[in-house]
Amino acid sequence: MLGDGNTKEQALKVGKESRSTVVVKDTLGVGDDPSHDFSAKVESTNGVGIIAERPMYFNYKGVWPGGHDVVGATSPAMYFNFAEGTCRPGFDSYICIQNPTDKDAEVGIVYLLGDGDTREQTLTVSGNSRSTVVVKDTLGVGDDAFHDFSAKVESTNGVGIIAERPMYFNYKGVWPGGHDVVGFVP
């Protein structure tokens, strides 16, 4: 599911008791545009159980090298919770939302701020597509508790979604990197 609304499929055979790596850029190519932003639905077509993860290596903004890894969600859900995020200087937090269904998902995000306040945001994620939310576009950037957040990402119209929160940073100007997590579903 690409950021421009298109989809691409790839078939792969993985032998028993083995693993396989898919190099996504071999299928999608390389580019800095929505057609190169993606979410993936990975499924076994013969009923054999699998585990899928997505390692990613980067040079964020050309100056923050690093890598992160996230295990795929087991299924879409109505909401995902995130305990941690920040929009302090030197940090870029995102919320990535996948809609693996044919119907549009109406999504609400509630940011629980470090100073006790809340902020809300809504968006529509089209069927079989994805969207990236740039958190600082809503919360701004600042070096205070208002810019630390937890978040609840919820489908408000009953369409299952998957949400993750990648973050890239240059901590105190000397420790670049990133990490990513799929939201918690109780």
C-alpha atoms as a PDB file:
ATOM      1  CA  MET A   1       0.000   0.000   0.000  1.00  0.00           C
ATOM      2  CA  LEU A   2       1.723   3.106  -1.249  1.00  0.00           C
ATOM      3  CA  GLY A   3       1.413   6.678  -0.090  1.00  0.00           C
ATOM      4  CA  ASP A   4       0.007   7.720  -3.468  1.00  0.00           C
ATOM      5  CA  GLY A   5      -2.951   5.303  -3.130  1.00  0.00           C
ATOM      6  CA  ASN A   6      -1.592   2.591  -5.418  1.00  0.00           C
ATOM      7  CA  THR A   7      -0.744  -0.963  -4.396  1.00  0.00           C
ATOM      8  CA  LYS A   8       1.911  -3.435  -5.499  1.00  0.00           C
ATOM      9  CA  GLU A   9       2.076  -7.157  -4.811  1.00  0.00           C
ATOM     10  CA  GLN A  10       5.002  -9.506  -4.500  1.00  0.00           C
ATOM     11  CA  ALA A  11       4.930 -13.292  -4.061  1.00  0.00           C
ATOM     12  CA  LEU A  12       7.660 -15.157  -2.228  1.00  0.00           C
ATOM     13  CA  LYS A  13       8.282 -18.756  -1.255  1.00  0.00           C
ATOM     14  CA  VAL A  14       9.992 -19.342   2.097  1.00  0.00           C
ATOM     15  CA  GLY A  15      11.222 -22.852   2.802  1.00  0.00           C
ATOM     16  CA  LYS A  16      10.427 -24.646   6.059  1.00  0.00           C
ATOM     17  CA  GLU A  17      12.556 -23.690   9.061  1.00  0.00           C
ATOM     18  CA  SER A  18      14.094 -20.792   7.153  1.00  0.00           C
ATOM     19  CA  ARG A  19      13.817 -17.068   6.641  1.00  0.00           C
ATOM     20  CA  SER A  20      13.850 -14.683   3.722  1.00  0.00           C
ATOM     21  CA  THR A  21      14.622 -11.005   3.265  1.00  0.00           C
ATOM     22  CA  VAL A  22      12.688  -8.806   0.852  1.00  0.00           C
ATOM     23  CA  VAL A  23      14.612  -5.737  -0.325  1.00  0.00           C
ATOM     24  CA  VAL A  24      11.692  -3.365  -0.847  1.00  0.00           C
ATOM     25  CA  LYS A  25      13.576  -0.931  -3.064  1.00  0.00           C
ATOM     26  CA  ASP A  26      14.059  -3.766  -5.577  1.00  0.00           C
ATOM     27  CA  THR A  27      10.268  -3.696  -6.075  1.00  0.00           C
ATOM     28  CA  LEU A  28       9.397  -0.026  -5.458  1.00  0.00           C
ATOM     29  CA  GLY A  29      12.607   1.662  -6.548  1.00  0.00           C
ATOM     30  CA  VAL A  30      14.015   4.672  -4.714  1.00  0.00           C
ATOM     31  CA  GLY A  31      12.472   8.128  -4.489  1.00  0.00           C
ATOM     32  CA  ASP A  32      11.455  10.944  -2.184  1.00  0.00           C
ATOM     33  CA  ASP A  33       7.748  11.049  -2.985  1.00  0.00           C
ATOM     34  CA  PRO A  34       4.497   9.373  -1.846  1.00  0.00           C
ATOM     35  CA  SER A  35       4.843   6.492  -4.321  1.00  0.00           C
ATOM     36  CA  HIS A  36       7.862   5.320  -2.304  1.00  0.00           C
ATOM     37  CA  ASP A  37       6.182   5.548   1.130  1.00  0.00           C
ATOM     38  CA  PHE A  38       4.596   2.211   1.947  1.00  0.00           C
ATOM     39  CA  SER A  39       2.881  -0.056   4.408  1.00  0.00           C
ATOM     40  CA  ALA A  40       2.875  -3.786   3.823  1.00  0.00           C
ATOM     41  CA  LYS A  41       0.417  -6.584   4.423  1.00  0.00           C
ATOM     42  CA  VAL A  42       2.349  -9.841   4.721  1.00  0.00           C
ATOM     43  CA  GLU A  43       0.335 -13.044   4.794  1.00  0.00           C
ATOM     44  CA  SER A  44       0.814 -16.752   4.314  1.00  0.00           C
ATOM     45  CA  THR A  45      -1.233 -18.036   1.379  1.00  0.00           C
ATOM     46  CA  ASN A  46      -1.022 -21.718   2.372  1.00  0.00           C
ATOM     47  CA  GLY A  47      -1.949 -21.530   6.064  1.00  0.00           C
ATOM     48  CA  VAL A  48       1.586 -21.952   7.431  1.00  0.00           C
ATOM     49  CA  GLY A  49       2.288 -19.548  10.300  1.00  0.00           C
ATOM     50  CA  ILE A  50       4.822 -16.778   9.725  1.00  0.00           C
ATOM     51  CA  ILE A  51       6.407 -13.906  11.612  1.00  0.00           C
ATOM     52  CA  ALA A  52       7.171 -10.694   9.720  1.00  0.00           C
ATOM     53  CA  GLU A  53       9.385  -7.832  10.820  1.00  0.00           C
ATOM     54  CA  ARG A  54      10.532  -4.655   9.109  1.00  0.00           C
ATOM     55  CA  PRO A  55      14.102  -3.536   9.749  1.00  0.00           C
ATOM     56  CA  MET A  56      14.912  -0.135   8.330  1.00  0.00           C
ATOM     57  CA  TYR A  57      18.273   1.562   7.981  1.00  0.00           C
ATOM     58  CA  PHE A  58      18.466   5.273   7.327  1.00  0.00           C
ATOM     59  CA  ASN A  59      20.435   8.464   7.106  1.00  0.00           C
ATOM     60  CA  TYR A  60      17.631  10.750   8.261  1.00  0.00           C
ATOM     61  CA  LYS A  61      17.918  14.231   6.773  1.00  0.00           C
ATOM     62  CA  GLY A  62      21.394  13.226   5.596  1.00  0.00           C
ATOM     63  CA  VAL A  63      22.857  13.712   9.082  1.00  0.00           C
ATOM     64  CA  TRP A  64      21.212  11.247  11.514  1.00  0.00           C
ATOM     65  CA  PRO A  65      22.285   7.679  10.664  1.00  0.00           C
ATOM     66  CA  GLY A  66      20.711   4.687  12.338  1.00  0.00           C
ATOM     67  CA  GLY A  67      18.324   1.813  12.119  1.00  0.00           C
ATOM     68  CA  HIS A  68      15.216   0.415  13.764  1.00  0.00           C
ATOM     69  CA  ASP A  69      13.116  -2.707  13.590  1.00  0.00           C
ATOM     70  CA  VAL A  70       9.466  -3.440  14.284  1.00  0.00           C
ATOM     71  CA  VAL A  71       7.492  -6.690  14.319  1.00  0.00           C
ATOM     72  CA  GLY A  72       4.305  -6.556  12.288  1.00  0.00           C
ATOM     73  CA  ALA A  73       0.874  -6.282  13.898  1.00  0.00           C
ATOM     74  CA  THR A  74      -1.094  -9.523  13.930  1.00  0.00           C
ATOM     75  CA  SER A  75      -4.326  -7.911  12.747  1.00  0.00           C
ATOM     76  CA  PRO A  76      -6.094  -4.581  12.295  1.00  0.00           C
ATOM     77  CA  ALA A  77      -7.806  -3.119  15.360  1.00  0.00           C
ATOM     78  CA  MET A  78     -10.097  -0.234  16.262  1.00  0.00           C
ATOM     79  CA  TYR A  79      -7.412   1.594  18.247  1.00  0.00           C
ATOM     80  CA  PHE A  80      -3.727   1.617  19.142  1.00  0.00           C
ATOM     81  CA  ASN A  81      -2.093   3.246  22.171  1.00  0.00           C
ATOM     82  CA  PHE A  82       1.379   4.794  22.327  1.00  0.00           C
ATOM     83  CA  ALA A  83       2.987   5.555  25.679  1.00  0.00           C
ATOM     84  CA  GLU A  84       5.776   7.801  24.452  1.00  0.00           C
ATOM     85  CA  GLY A  85       6.594  10.462  21.910  1.00  0.00           C
ATOM     86  CA  THR A  86       8.068  13.937  21.864  1.00  0.00           C
ATOM     87  CA  CYS A  87       8.248  17.053  19.736  1.00  0.00           C
ATOM     88  CA  ARG A  88      11.194  18.557  21.582  1.00  0.00           C
ATOM     89  CA  PRO A  89      14.027  20.062  19.507  1.00  0.00           C
ATOM     90  CA  GLY A  90      16.127  17.366  17.843  1.00  0.00           C
ATOM     91  CA  PHE A  91      13.240  14.848  17.694  1.00  0.00           C
ATOM     92  CA  ASP A  92      10.863  14.094  14.812  1.00  0.00           C
ATOM     93  CA  SER A  93       7.897  11.878  15.723  1.00  0.00           C
ATOM     94  CA  TYR A  94       5.414  10.438  13.251  1.00  0.00           C
ATOM     95  CA  ILE A  95       2.312   8.280  13.428  1.00  0.00           C
ATOM     96  CA  CYS A  96       1.919   5.960  10.441  1.00  0.00           C
ATOM     97  CA  ILE A  97      -1.547   4.530   9.836  1.00  0.00           C
ATOM     98  CA  GLN A  98      -2.330   1.646   7.499  1.00  0.00           C
ATOM     99  CA  ASN A  99      -5.838   0.848   6.284  1.00  0.00           C
ATOM    100  CA  PRO A 100      -5.739  -2.696   4.837  1.00  0.00           C
ATOM    101  CA  THR A 101      -9.475  -2.739   4.022  1.00  0.00           C
ATOM    102  CA  ASP A 102     -11.500  -1.604   1.005  1.00  0.00           C
ATOM    103  CA  LYS A 103     -13.373   1.063   3.033  1.00  0.00           C
ATOM    104  CA  ASP A 104     -12.138   4.505   4.101  1.00  0.00           C
ATOM    105  CA  ALA A 105     -11.158   4.751   7.774  1.00  0.00           C
ATOM    106  CA  GLU A 106     -12.094   7.854   9.743  1.00  0.00           C
ATOM    107  CA  VAL A 107      -9.304   8.217  12.298  1.00  0.00           C
ATOM    108  CA  GLY A 108      -9.082  10.296  15.456  1.00  0.00           C
ATOM    109  CA  ILE A 109      -5.843  10.912  17.317  1.00  0.00           C
ATOM    110  CA  VAL A 110      -5.883  12.120  20.914  1.00  0.00           C
ATOM    111  CA  TYR A 111      -2.533  13.420  22.159  1.00  0.00           C
ATOM    112  CA  LEU A 112      -2.154  13.230  25.948  1.00  0.00           C
ATOM    113  CA  LEU A 113       0.419  15.905  26.687  1.00  0.00           C
ATOM    114  CA  GLY A 114       3.075  15.937  29.377  1.00  0.00           C
ATOM    115  CA  ASP A 115       1.553  19.031  30.984  1.00  0.00           C
ATOM    116  CA  GLY A 116      -1.833  17.284  31.434  1.00  0.00           C
ATOM    117  CA  ASP A 117      -3.534  18.939  28.460  1.00  0.00           C
ATOM    118  CA  THR A 118      -4.861  17.146  25.350  1.00  0.00           C
ATOM    119  CA  ARG A 119      -4.975  17.902  21.630  1.00  0.00           C
ATOM    120  CA  GLU A 120      -7.053  16.130  18.984  1.00  0.00           C
ATOM    121  CA  GLN A 121      -6.598  15.528  15.284  1.00  0.00           C
ATOM    122  CA  THR A 122      -8.764  13.784  12.674  1.00  0.00           C
ATOM    123  CA  LEU A 123      -8.018  12.406   9.233  1.00  0.00           C
ATOM    124  CA  THR A 124      -9.338   9.977   6.639  1.00  0.00           C
ATOM    125  CA  VAL A 125      -7.178   7.069   5.484  1.00  0.00           C
ATOM    126  CA  SER A 126      -8.482   5.729   2.181  1.00  0.00           C
ATOM    127  CA  GLY A 127      -9.068   2.012   1.707  1.00  0.00           C
ATOM    128  CA  ASN A 128      -5.977  -0.073   0.905  1.00  0.00           C
ATOM    129  CA  SER A 129      -3.654   2.837   1.609  1.00  0.00           C
ATOM    130  CA  ARG A 130      -1.571   4.482   4.304  1.00  0.00           C
ATOM    131  CA  SER A 131      -0.970   7.906   5.783  1.00  0.00           C
ATOM    132  CA  THR A 132       1.867   9.495   7.728  1.00  0.00           C
ATOM    133  CA  VAL A 133       1.016  12.063  10.401  1.00  0.00           C
ATOM    134  CA  VAL A 134       3.798  14.542  11.190  1.00  0.00           C
ATOM    135  CA  VAL A 135       3.083  15.090  14.893  1.00  0.00           C
ATOM    136  CA  LYS A 136       4.912  18.432  15.119  1.00  0.00           C
ATOM    137  CA  ASP A 137       2.489  19.833  12.514  1.00  0.00           C
ATOM    138  CA  THR A 138      -0.164  19.594  15.267  1.00  0.00           C
ATOM    139  CA  LEU A 139       1.871  20.071  18.462  1.00  0.00           C
ATOM    140  CA  GLY A 140       4.679  22.298  17.217  1.00  0.00           C
ATOM    141  CA  VAL A 141       8.218  22.065  18.595  1.00  0.00           C
ATOM    142  CA  GLY A 142       9.263  23.145  22.077  1.00  0.00           C
ATOM    143  CA  ASP A 143      11.519  22.196  24.956  1.00  0.00           C
ATOM    144  CA  ASP A 144       8.825  21.673  27.594  1.00  0.00           C
ATOM    145  CA  ALA A 145       6.291  19.122  28.888  1.00  0.00           C
ATOM    146  CA  PHE A 146       3.610  20.342  26.434  1.00  0.00           C
ATOM    147  CA  HIS A 147       5.669  18.782  23.632  1.00  0.00           C
ATOM    148  CA  ASP A 148       5.952  15.325  25.254  1.00  0.00           C
ATOM    149  CA  PHE A 149       2.984  13.095  24.429  1.00  0.00           C
ATOM    150  CA  SER A 150       1.248   9.766  24.593  1.00  0.00           C
ATOM    151  CA  ALA A 151      -1.343   9.053  21.918  1.00  0.00           C
ATOM    152  CA  LYS A 152      -4.458   7.036  21.213  1.00  0.00           C
ATOM    153  CA  VAL A 153      -5.113   6.414  17.509  1.00  0.00           C
ATOM    154  CA  GLU A 154      -8.687   5.250  16.912  1.00  0.00           C
ATOM    155  CA  SER A 155     -10.810   4.291  13.941  1.00  0.00           C
ATOM    156  CA  THR A 156     -14.067   6.126  14.612  1.00  0.00           C
ATOM    157  CA  ASN A 157     -16.163   4.407  11.925  1.00  0.00           C
ATOM    158  CA  GLY A 158     -15.452   0.736  12.684  1.00  0.00           C
ATOM    159  CA  VAL A 159     -12.855   0.143   9.949  1.00  0.00           C
ATOM    160  CA  GLY A 160      -9.807  -1.750  11.233  1.00  0.00           C
ATOM    161  CA  ILE A 161      -6.448   0.025  11.048  1.00  0.00           C
ATOM    162  CA  ILE A 162      -2.830  -0.570  12.064  1.00  0.00           C
ATOM    163  CA  ALA A 163      -0.726   2.209  13.601  1.00  0.00           C
ATOM    164  CA  GLU A 164       2.948   2.603  14.415  1.00  0.00           C
ATOM    165  CA  ARG A 165       5.031   5.468  15.816  1.00  0.00           C
ATOM    166  CA  PRO A 166       8.504   5.951  14.293  1.00  0.00           C
ATOM    167  CA  MET A 167      10.741   8.604  15.828  1.00  0.00           C
ATOM    168  CA  TYR A 168      14.056  10.003  14.615  1.00  0.00           C
ATOM    169  CA  PHE A 169      16.381  12.030  16.795  1.00  0.00           C
ATOM    170  CA  ASN A 170      19.697  13.697  17.389  1.00  0.00           C
ATOM    171  CA  TYR A 171      19.701  13.572  21.181  1.00  0.00           C
ATOM    172  CA  LYS A 172      21.584  16.542  22.638  1.00  0.00           C
ATOM    173  CA  GLY A 173      23.273  16.953  19.257  1.00  0.00           C
ATOM    174  CA  VAL A 174      25.555  13.944  19.749  1.00  0.00           C
ATOM    175  CA  TRP A 175      23.409  10.786  19.665  1.00  0.00           C
ATOM    176  CA  PRO A 176      21.561  10.309  16.350  1.00  0.00           C
ATOM    177  CA  GLY A 177      19.198   7.442  15.699  1.00  0.00           C
ATOM    178  CA  GLY A 178      15.631   6.300  15.568  1.00  0.00           C
ATOM    179  CA  HIS A 179      13.177   3.772  16.901  1.00  0.00           C
ATOM    180  CA  ASP A 180       9.753   2.487  15.987  1.00  0.00           C
ATOM    181  CA  VAL A 181       6.908   0.690  17.718  1.00  0.00           C
ATOM    182  CA  VAL A 182       3.514  -0.704  16.736  1.00  0.00           C
ATOM    183  CA  GLY A 183       0.855   0.589  19.109  1.00  0.00           C
ATOM    184  CA  PHE A 184      -0.455  -1.438  22.028  1.00  0.00           C
ATOM    185  CA  VAL A 185      -3.882  -3.039  21.663  1.00  0.00           C
ATOM    186  CA  PRO A 186      -5.344  -4.278  24.978  1.00  0.00           C
END
